[in-house]
């Protein structure tokens, strides 16, 4: 696992300046006060005023700072040195009071000893984690009794689909497969240059995710599925006026995002 995480950390160090310069992240409007959290995240997490919130895999911190702007005492964690360095710069520039820690999820109990009202993670996170049981145990460790874990992420089904030359969406891999290695010079999900370094990614079924949280001792309060995407997963998808991406046909046939709330 250490080898794969080191490869991925290098990849995200390379991604960070590309993402920060992209129209997708639109850092300029964020600096002017834009809240980057989408309406699903804000609705499901709810009012965070005066709550402590731990944001796992926070990238360069815009969502963490957004929670801070909404009243949370927010802590963001990411394994990328470049991302955490930029998050701290942004935090200071906009006058927010979020805290940022450089650590991978699995090692976090070695560097942080606190409990939180909310543990949050969102969109594009689970495919970078090889061990969901250990991930869930870390979440349980950092939640106070009565605290809630919230996740919104790409639906596992989307990881096995591919778009054909004719624009059809078809299964192209095993839903129950696990580790995958991707060569470098791959496009990122934002606009900007391809990323030269390789990555390891992991496919987890919805059953794997729910079971890991339950085994860790968390009570699942809901599992929701959504027929919208937060970014353009396939070339045929189009962005609608509400900011979500959709397939041009049979969109409601595909679960594209899922969310879970689990309580300690």
C-alpha atoms as a PDB file:
ATOM      1  CA  UNK A   1       0.000   0.000   0.000  1.00  0.00           C
ATOM      2  CA  UNK A   2       2.854   2.393   0.794  1.00  0.00           C
ATOM      3  CA  UNK A   3       4.201   2.134  -2.764  1.00  0.00           C
ATOM      4  CA  UNK A   4       0.831   2.851  -4.353  1.00  0.00           C
ATOM      5  CA  UNK A   5       0.093   5.780  -2.038  1.00  0.00           C
ATOM      6  CA  UNK A   6       3.526   7.284  -2.752  1.00  0.00           C
ATOM      7  CA  UNK A   7       2.883   7.068  -6.512  1.00  0.00           C
ATOM      8  CA  UNK A   8      -0.513   8.710  -6.066  1.00  0.00           C
ATOM      9  CA  UNK A   9       0.861  11.421  -3.794  1.00  0.00           C
ATOM     10  CA  UNK A  10       3.339  12.359  -6.524  1.00  0.00           C
ATOM     11  CA  UNK A  11       0.469  12.475  -9.021  1.00  0.00           C
ATOM     12  CA  UNK A  12      -1.605  14.807  -6.835  1.00  0.00           C
ATOM     13  CA  UNK A  13       1.386  17.056  -6.233  1.00  0.00           C
ATOM     14  CA  UNK A  14       1.548  17.388 -10.015  1.00  0.00           C
ATOM     15  CA  UNK A  15      -2.206  17.882 -10.350  1.00  0.00           C
ATOM     16  CA  UNK A  16      -2.535  20.655  -7.781  1.00  0.00           C
ATOM     17  CA  UNK A  17      -1.155  23.596  -9.827  1.00  0.00           C
ATOM     18  CA  UNK A  18      -3.060  22.387 -12.898  1.00  0.00           C
ATOM     19  CA  UNK A  19      -6.299  22.284 -10.924  1.00  0.00           C
ATOM     20  CA  UNK A  20      -5.635  25.616  -9.222  1.00  0.00           C
ATOM     21  CA  UNK A  21      -5.236  27.290 -12.627  1.00  0.00           C
ATOM     22  CA  UNK A  22      -8.328  25.660 -14.141  1.00  0.00           C
ATOM     23  CA  UNK A  23     -11.695  27.195 -14.939  1.00  0.00           C
ATOM     24  CA  UNK A  24     -13.216  24.122 -13.260  1.00  0.00           C
ATOM     25  CA  UNK A  25     -12.055  25.266  -9.819  1.00  0.00           C
ATOM     26  CA  UNK A  26     -12.378  29.010 -10.552  1.00  0.00           C
ATOM     27  CA  UNK A  27     -10.191  30.105  -7.656  1.00  0.00           C
ATOM     28  CA  UNK A  28     -10.756  33.785  -8.482  1.00  0.00           C
ATOM     29  CA  UNK A  29     -14.484  33.675  -7.678  1.00  0.00           C
ATOM     30  CA  UNK A  30     -13.775  31.605  -4.583  1.00  0.00           C
ATOM     31  CA  UNK A  31     -11.483  34.342  -3.292  1.00  0.00           C
ATOM     32  CA  UNK A  32     -14.390  36.757  -3.734  1.00  0.00           C
ATOM     33  CA  UNK A  33     -16.578  34.676  -1.413  1.00  0.00           C
ATOM     34  CA  UNK A  34     -18.073  31.843  -3.490  1.00  0.00           C
ATOM     35  CA  UNK A  35     -19.115  28.764  -1.489  1.00  0.00           C
ATOM     36  CA  UNK A  36     -17.870  25.741  -3.418  1.00  0.00           C
ATOM     37  CA  UNK A  37     -20.105  23.138  -1.755  1.00  0.00           C
ATOM     38  CA  UNK A  38     -22.984  21.859  -3.878  1.00  0.00           C
ATOM     39  CA  UNK A  39     -26.592  21.807  -2.716  1.00  0.00           C
ATOM     40  CA  UNK A  40     -26.556  18.059  -1.931  1.00  0.00           C
ATOM     41  CA  UNK A  41     -23.606  18.465   0.424  1.00  0.00           C
ATOM     42  CA  UNK A  42     -25.055  21.520   2.142  1.00  0.00           C
ATOM     43  CA  UNK A  43     -28.526  19.990   2.505  1.00  0.00           C
ATOM     44  CA  UNK A  44     -27.363  16.638   3.832  1.00  0.00           C
ATOM     45  CA  UNK A  45     -24.674  17.881   6.219  1.00  0.00           C
ATOM     46  CA  UNK A  46     -26.967  20.685   7.393  1.00  0.00           C
ATOM     47  CA  UNK A  47     -26.138  23.614   9.644  1.00  0.00           C
ATOM     48  CA  UNK A  48     -22.507  23.471  10.751  1.00  0.00           C
ATOM     49  CA  UNK A  49     -22.502  26.629  12.873  1.00  0.00           C
ATOM     50  CA  UNK A  50     -20.242  26.156  15.915  1.00  0.00           C
ATOM     51  CA  UNK A  51     -19.608  22.513  14.963  1.00  0.00           C
ATOM     52  CA  UNK A  52     -16.198  20.887  14.601  1.00  0.00           C
ATOM     53  CA  UNK A  53     -15.737  19.351  11.153  1.00  0.00           C
ATOM     54  CA  UNK A  54     -12.986  17.097   9.809  1.00  0.00           C
ATOM     55  CA  UNK A  55     -12.677  17.059   6.010  1.00  0.00           C
ATOM     56  CA  UNK A  56     -10.784  14.024   4.707  1.00  0.00           C
ATOM     57  CA  UNK A  57      -9.024  14.193   1.309  1.00  0.00           C
ATOM     58  CA  UNK A  58      -9.647  17.926   1.061  1.00  0.00           C
ATOM     59  CA  UNK A  59      -7.356  18.626  -1.947  1.00  0.00           C
ATOM     60  CA  UNK A  60      -6.343  22.307  -1.810  1.00  0.00           C
ATOM     61  CA  UNK A  61      -8.982  23.282   0.664  1.00  0.00           C
ATOM     62  CA  UNK A  62     -11.743  25.263  -1.024  1.00  0.00           C
ATOM     63  CA  UNK A  63     -14.542  23.061   0.339  1.00  0.00           C
ATOM     64  CA  UNK A  64     -12.931  23.035   3.794  1.00  0.00           C
ATOM     65  CA  UNK A  65     -12.723  26.826   3.785  1.00  0.00           C
ATOM     66  CA  UNK A  66     -16.331  26.957   2.542  1.00  0.00           C
ATOM     67  CA  UNK A  67     -17.414  24.965   5.619  1.00  0.00           C
ATOM     68  CA  UNK A  68     -15.462  27.447   7.700  1.00  0.00           C
ATOM     69  CA  UNK A  69     -17.279  30.321   6.009  1.00  0.00           C
ATOM     70  CA  UNK A  70     -20.546  28.606   6.950  1.00  0.00           C
ATOM     71  CA  UNK A  71     -19.585  28.610  10.621  1.00  0.00           C
ATOM     72  CA  UNK A  72     -17.744  25.337  11.197  1.00  0.00           C
ATOM     73  CA  UNK A  73     -14.460  24.955  13.018  1.00  0.00           C
ATOM     74  CA  UNK A  74     -13.002  23.097  10.060  1.00  0.00           C
ATOM     75  CA  UNK A  75      -9.908  20.932   9.673  1.00  0.00           C
ATOM     76  CA  UNK A  76      -8.838  19.735   6.226  1.00  0.00           C
ATOM     77  CA  UNK A  77      -6.541  16.751   5.601  1.00  0.00           C
ATOM     78  CA  UNK A  78      -4.789  15.677   2.413  1.00  0.00           C
ATOM     79  CA  UNK A  79      -1.705  13.635   1.550  1.00  0.00           C
ATOM     80  CA  UNK A  80      -0.446  16.056  -1.116  1.00  0.00           C
ATOM     81  CA  UNK A  81       2.229  18.501   0.035  1.00  0.00           C
ATOM     82  CA  UNK A  82       1.404  20.890  -2.813  1.00  0.00           C
ATOM     83  CA  UNK A  83      -2.310  20.801  -2.024  1.00  0.00           C
ATOM     84  CA  UNK A  84      -1.895  21.508   1.697  1.00  0.00           C
ATOM     85  CA  UNK A  85       0.620  24.286   1.017  1.00  0.00           C
ATOM     86  CA  UNK A  86      -1.854  25.941  -1.359  1.00  0.00           C
ATOM     87  CA  UNK A  87      -4.772  25.404   1.046  1.00  0.00           C
ATOM     88  CA  UNK A  88      -2.894  27.274   3.765  1.00  0.00           C
ATOM     89  CA  UNK A  89      -2.093  30.130   1.375  1.00  0.00           C
ATOM     90  CA  UNK A  90      -5.741  30.402   0.290  1.00  0.00           C
ATOM     91  CA  UNK A  91      -6.926  30.239   3.888  1.00  0.00           C
ATOM     92  CA  UNK A  92      -4.708  33.183   4.792  1.00  0.00           C
ATOM     93  CA  UNK A  93      -5.611  35.154   1.656  1.00  0.00           C
ATOM     94  CA  UNK A  94      -9.356  35.001   2.299  1.00  0.00           C
ATOM     95  CA  UNK A  95      -9.034  35.479   6.062  1.00  0.00           C
ATOM     96  CA  UNK A  96     -10.610  32.150   7.002  1.00  0.00           C
ATOM     97  CA  UNK A  97      -9.801  30.147  10.141  1.00  0.00           C
ATOM     98  CA  UNK A  98      -9.615  26.611   8.747  1.00  0.00           C
ATOM     99  CA  UNK A  99      -6.732  24.336   9.764  1.00  0.00           C
ATOM    100  CA  UNK A 100      -4.873  22.062   7.336  1.00  0.00           C
ATOM    101  CA  UNK A 101      -2.852  18.910   8.031  1.00  0.00           C
ATOM    102  CA  UNK A 102      -0.658  16.996   5.572  1.00  0.00           C
ATOM    103  CA  UNK A 103      -1.346  13.287   6.098  1.00  0.00           C
ATOM    104  CA  UNK A 104      -2.872  10.352   4.292  1.00  0.00           C
ATOM    105  CA  UNK A 105      -6.124   9.082   5.795  1.00  0.00           C
ATOM    106  CA  UNK A 106      -4.608   5.941   7.282  1.00  0.00           C
ATOM    107  CA  UNK A 107      -1.824   7.722   9.190  1.00  0.00           C
ATOM    108  CA  UNK A 108      -3.986  10.530  10.543  1.00  0.00           C
ATOM    109  CA  UNK A 109      -4.509   9.001  14.043  1.00  0.00           C
ATOM    110  CA  UNK A 110      -0.732   9.249  14.493  1.00  0.00           C
ATOM    111  CA  UNK A 111      -0.753  13.048  14.050  1.00  0.00           C
ATOM    112  CA  UNK A 112      -4.197  14.145  15.283  1.00  0.00           C
ATOM    113  CA  UNK A 113      -5.921  13.266  18.549  1.00  0.00           C
ATOM    114  CA  UNK A 114      -9.371  14.909  18.569  1.00  0.00           C
ATOM    115  CA  UNK A 115     -13.037  14.059  18.077  1.00  0.00           C
ATOM    116  CA  UNK A 116     -15.343  15.932  15.707  1.00  0.00           C
ATOM    117  CA  UNK A 117     -19.065  16.590  15.352  1.00  0.00           C
ATOM    118  CA  UNK A 118     -18.863  15.930  11.597  1.00  0.00           C
ATOM    119  CA  UNK A 119     -16.479  13.936   9.419  1.00  0.00           C
ATOM    120  CA  UNK A 120     -16.940  14.817   5.745  1.00  0.00           C
ATOM    121  CA  UNK A 121     -15.494  13.643   2.432  1.00  0.00           C
ATOM    122  CA  UNK A 122     -16.703  14.249  -1.087  1.00  0.00           C
ATOM    123  CA  UNK A 123     -16.466  13.432  -4.799  1.00  0.00           C
ATOM    124  CA  UNK A 124     -13.565  11.503  -6.219  1.00  0.00           C
ATOM    125  CA  UNK A 125     -12.234  10.182  -2.918  1.00  0.00           C
ATOM    126  CA  UNK A 126     -12.825   6.437  -2.547  1.00  0.00           C
ATOM    127  CA  UNK A 127     -11.071   5.395  -5.753  1.00  0.00           C
ATOM    128  CA  UNK A 128      -7.774   6.510  -4.143  1.00  0.00           C
ATOM    129  CA  UNK A 129      -8.157   4.306  -1.063  1.00  0.00           C
ATOM    130  CA  UNK A 130      -7.044   0.642  -1.148  1.00  0.00           C
ATOM    131  CA  UNK A 131      -8.404  -0.388   2.269  1.00  0.00           C
ATOM    132  CA  UNK A 132     -11.987   0.602   3.123  1.00  0.00           C
ATOM    133  CA  UNK A 133     -12.061  -1.235   6.461  1.00  0.00           C
ATOM    134  CA  UNK A 134      -9.125   0.819   7.729  1.00  0.00           C
ATOM    135  CA  UNK A 135     -10.678   3.983   6.241  1.00  0.00           C
ATOM    136  CA  UNK A 136     -13.916   3.371   8.121  1.00  0.00           C
ATOM    137  CA  UNK A 137     -12.066   2.678  11.375  1.00  0.00           C
ATOM    138  CA  UNK A 138     -10.325   6.060  11.067  1.00  0.00           C
ATOM    139  CA  UNK A 139     -13.693   7.766  10.578  1.00  0.00           C
ATOM    140  CA  UNK A 140     -15.043   6.032  13.691  1.00  0.00           C
ATOM    141  CA  UNK A 141     -11.939   7.094  15.625  1.00  0.00           C
ATOM    142  CA  UNK A 142     -12.443  10.792  14.864  1.00  0.00           C
ATOM    143  CA  UNK A 143     -16.197  11.015  15.424  1.00  0.00           C
ATOM    144  CA  UNK A 144     -17.530  11.965  18.836  1.00  0.00           C
ATOM    145  CA  UNK A 145     -20.427   9.860  20.134  1.00  0.00           C
ATOM    146  CA  UNK A 146     -23.500  11.138  18.293  1.00  0.00           C
ATOM    147  CA  UNK A 147     -21.380  12.640  15.528  1.00  0.00           C
ATOM    148  CA  UNK A 148     -22.151  12.053  11.853  1.00  0.00           C
ATOM    149  CA  UNK A 149     -20.088  10.972   8.861  1.00  0.00           C
ATOM    150  CA  UNK A 150     -21.161  12.278   5.437  1.00  0.00           C
ATOM    151  CA  UNK A 151     -19.889  11.196   2.045  1.00  0.00           C
ATOM    152  CA  UNK A 152     -20.911  12.195  -1.489  1.00  0.00           C
ATOM    153  CA  UNK A 153     -18.956  10.403  -4.202  1.00  0.00           C
ATOM    154  CA  UNK A 154     -19.063   9.026  -7.723  1.00  0.00           C
ATOM    155  CA  UNK A 155     -21.278   5.950  -7.907  1.00  0.00           C
ATOM    156  CA  UNK A 156     -19.217   2.736  -8.291  1.00  0.00           C
ATOM    157  CA  UNK A 157     -21.222   1.822 -11.390  1.00  0.00           C
ATOM    158  CA  UNK A 158     -19.647   4.758 -13.239  1.00  0.00           C
ATOM    159  CA  UNK A 159     -16.199   3.244 -12.793  1.00  0.00           C
ATOM    160  CA  UNK A 160     -17.014   0.232 -14.976  1.00  0.00           C
ATOM    161  CA  UNK A 161     -18.678   2.088 -17.860  1.00  0.00           C
ATOM    162  CA  UNK A 162     -17.032   3.367 -21.043  1.00  0.00           C
ATOM    163  CA  UNK A 163     -18.278   5.452 -23.955  1.00  0.00           C
ATOM    164  CA  UNK A 164     -17.997   3.846 -27.392  1.00  0.00           C
ATOM    165  CA  UNK A 165     -17.089   5.700 -30.595  1.00  0.00           C
ATOM    166  CA  UNK A 166     -20.793   5.887 -31.391  1.00  0.00           C
ATOM    167  CA  UNK A 167     -21.578   7.508 -28.066  1.00  0.00           C
ATOM    168  CA  UNK A 168     -23.126   4.447 -26.435  1.00  0.00           C
ATOM    169  CA  UNK A 169     -22.385   3.799 -22.752  1.00  0.00           C
ATOM    170  CA  UNK A 170     -21.506   0.174 -22.065  1.00  0.00           C
ATOM    171  CA  UNK A 171     -19.904  -1.940 -19.311  1.00  0.00           C
ATOM    172  CA  UNK A 172     -16.187  -2.324 -20.007  1.00  0.00           C
ATOM    173  CA  UNK A 173     -14.799  -3.719 -16.747  1.00  0.00           C
ATOM    174  CA  UNK A 174     -15.744  -5.842 -13.787  1.00  0.00           C
ATOM    175  CA  UNK A 175     -17.840  -4.059 -11.135  1.00  0.00           C
ATOM    176  CA  UNK A 176     -16.173  -6.271  -8.521  1.00  0.00           C
ATOM    177  CA  UNK A 177     -12.592  -5.711  -9.717  1.00  0.00           C
ATOM    178  CA  UNK A 178     -10.196  -3.985  -7.344  1.00  0.00           C
ATOM    179  CA  UNK A 179      -6.809  -2.414  -8.083  1.00  0.00           C
ATOM    180  CA  UNK A 180      -6.080  -0.692 -11.402  1.00  0.00           C
ATOM    181  CA  UNK A 181      -2.876   0.942 -12.650  1.00  0.00           C
ATOM    182  CA  UNK A 182      -3.049   3.871 -15.069  1.00  0.00           C
ATOM    183  CA  UNK A 183      -0.106   5.093 -17.137  1.00  0.00           C
ATOM    184  CA  UNK A 184       0.870   8.761 -17.102  1.00  0.00           C
ATOM    185  CA  UNK A 185      -0.044  11.553 -19.542  1.00  0.00           C
ATOM    186  CA  UNK A 186      -3.712  11.117 -18.671  1.00  0.00           C
ATOM    187  CA  UNK A 187      -6.249  13.954 -18.735  1.00  0.00           C
ATOM    188  CA  UNK A 188      -7.505  15.154 -15.389  1.00  0.00           C
ATOM    189  CA  UNK A 189     -11.185  15.836 -14.700  1.00  0.00           C
ATOM    190  CA  UNK A 190     -10.556  19.579 -15.060  1.00  0.00           C
ATOM    191  CA  UNK A 191      -9.480  21.618 -18.032  1.00  0.00           C
ATOM    192  CA  UNK A 192      -5.702  21.921 -18.371  1.00  0.00           C
ATOM    193  CA  UNK A 193      -2.709  19.875 -19.438  1.00  0.00           C
ATOM    194  CA  UNK A 194      -2.559  16.071 -19.034  1.00  0.00           C
ATOM    195  CA  UNK A 195      -0.912  14.722 -15.899  1.00  0.00           C
ATOM    196  CA  UNK A 196       2.376  12.990 -16.723  1.00  0.00           C
ATOM    197  CA  UNK A 197       2.698  10.755 -13.653  1.00  0.00           C
ATOM    198  CA  UNK A 198       0.887   7.401 -13.247  1.00  0.00           C
ATOM    199  CA  UNK A 199      -1.729   6.433 -10.649  1.00  0.00           C
ATOM    200  CA  UNK A 200      -3.128   3.455  -8.803  1.00  0.00           C
ATOM    201  CA  UNK A 201      -6.886   3.468  -8.300  1.00  0.00           C
ATOM    202  CA  UNK A 202      -9.327   1.072  -6.653  1.00  0.00           C
ATOM    203  CA  UNK A 203     -12.863   0.039  -7.524  1.00  0.00           C
ATOM    204  CA  UNK A 204     -15.185  -0.519  -4.545  1.00  0.00           C
ATOM    205  CA  UNK A 205     -18.746  -1.765  -4.813  1.00  0.00           C
ATOM    206  CA  UNK A 206     -21.549  -0.007  -2.971  1.00  0.00           C
ATOM    207  CA  UNK A 207     -21.787  -3.096  -0.764  1.00  0.00           C
ATOM    208  CA  UNK A 208     -18.095  -2.793   0.125  1.00  0.00           C
ATOM    209  CA  UNK A 209     -18.572   0.824   1.195  1.00  0.00           C
ATOM    210  CA  UNK A 210     -21.674   0.311   3.335  1.00  0.00           C
ATOM    211  CA  UNK A 211     -20.302  -2.854   4.938  1.00  0.00           C
ATOM    212  CA  UNK A 212     -16.986  -1.203   5.883  1.00  0.00           C
ATOM    213  CA  UNK A 213     -18.812   1.615   7.700  1.00  0.00           C
ATOM    214  CA  UNK A 214     -21.138  -0.818   9.482  1.00  0.00           C
ATOM    215  CA  UNK A 215     -18.241  -3.102  10.522  1.00  0.00           C
ATOM    216  CA  UNK A 216     -16.480  -0.080  12.038  1.00  0.00           C
ATOM    217  CA  UNK A 217     -19.450   0.409  14.376  1.00  0.00           C
ATOM    218  CA  UNK A 218     -21.267   3.212  12.566  1.00  0.00           C
ATOM    219  CA  UNK A 219     -25.057   3.219  12.100  1.00  0.00           C
ATOM    220  CA  UNK A 220     -26.137   3.863   8.501  1.00  0.00           C
ATOM    221  CA  UNK A 221     -28.966   6.412   8.497  1.00  0.00           C
ATOM    222  CA  UNK A 222     -29.394   6.598   4.735  1.00  0.00           C
ATOM    223  CA  UNK A 223     -27.933   5.730   1.355  1.00  0.00           C
ATOM    224  CA  UNK A 224     -29.042   8.024  -1.488  1.00  0.00           C
ATOM    225  CA  UNK A 225     -28.352   7.695  -5.212  1.00  0.00           C
ATOM    226  CA  UNK A 226     -28.489  10.495  -7.801  1.00  0.00           C
ATOM    227  CA  UNK A 227     -28.732  10.597 -11.600  1.00  0.00           C
ATOM    228  CA  UNK A 228     -26.386  13.583 -11.989  1.00  0.00           C
ATOM    229  CA  UNK A 229     -22.603  13.970 -12.099  1.00  0.00           C
ATOM    230  CA  UNK A 230     -20.422  16.688 -10.586  1.00  0.00           C
ATOM    231  CA  UNK A 231     -18.077  16.687 -13.583  1.00  0.00           C
ATOM    232  CA  UNK A 232     -17.872  15.430 -17.166  1.00  0.00           C
ATOM    233  CA  UNK A 233     -17.121  11.743 -16.702  1.00  0.00           C
ATOM    234  CA  UNK A 234     -17.856  10.916 -20.375  1.00  0.00           C
ATOM    235  CA  UNK A 235     -17.477  13.117 -23.490  1.00  0.00           C
ATOM    236  CA  UNK A 236     -21.164  12.774 -24.377  1.00  0.00           C
ATOM    237  CA  UNK A 237     -22.307  14.388 -21.105  1.00  0.00           C
ATOM    238  CA  UNK A 238     -23.555  17.983 -21.062  1.00  0.00           C
ATOM    239  CA  UNK A 239     -23.672  20.534 -18.271  1.00  0.00           C
ATOM    240  CA  UNK A 240     -27.136  21.841 -17.366  1.00  0.00           C
ATOM    241  CA  UNK A 241     -28.209  25.194 -15.939  1.00  0.00           C
ATOM    242  CA  UNK A 242     -28.143  23.760 -12.397  1.00  0.00           C
ATOM    243  CA  UNK A 243     -24.420  22.979 -12.706  1.00  0.00           C
ATOM    244  CA  UNK A 244     -24.777  19.186 -12.885  1.00  0.00           C
ATOM    245  CA  UNK A 245     -23.624  17.018 -15.818  1.00  0.00           C
ATOM    246  CA  UNK A 246     -26.011  14.526 -17.450  1.00  0.00           C
ATOM    247  CA  UNK A 247     -26.126  11.944 -20.236  1.00  0.00           C
ATOM    248  CA  UNK A 248     -27.940  13.116 -23.394  1.00  0.00           C
ATOM    249  CA  UNK A 249     -30.254  10.087 -23.328  1.00  0.00           C
ATOM    250  CA  UNK A 250     -31.423   7.591 -20.714  1.00  0.00           C
ATOM    251  CA  UNK A 251     -29.819   9.745 -18.017  1.00  0.00           C
ATOM    252  CA  UNK A 252     -32.092   8.447 -15.275  1.00  0.00           C
ATOM    253  CA  UNK A 253     -31.011   4.883 -16.082  1.00  0.00           C
ATOM    254  CA  UNK A 254     -27.593   5.556 -14.529  1.00  0.00           C
ATOM    255  CA  UNK A 255     -26.903   6.206 -10.834  1.00  0.00           C
ATOM    256  CA  UNK A 256     -24.007   8.648 -11.016  1.00  0.00           C
ATOM    257  CA  UNK A 257     -23.507   9.843  -7.432  1.00  0.00           C
ATOM    258  CA  UNK A 258     -24.287   8.335  -4.056  1.00  0.00           C
ATOM    259  CA  UNK A 259     -24.359   9.747  -0.538  1.00  0.00           C
ATOM    260  CA  UNK A 260     -24.282   8.106   2.879  1.00  0.00           C
ATOM    261  CA  UNK A 261     -24.893   9.410   6.374  1.00  0.00           C
ATOM    262  CA  UNK A 262     -23.558   7.228   9.190  1.00  0.00           C
ATOM    263  CA  UNK A 263     -23.665   8.039  12.893  1.00  0.00           C
ATOM    264  CA  UNK A 264     -21.450   6.978  15.809  1.00  0.00           C
END
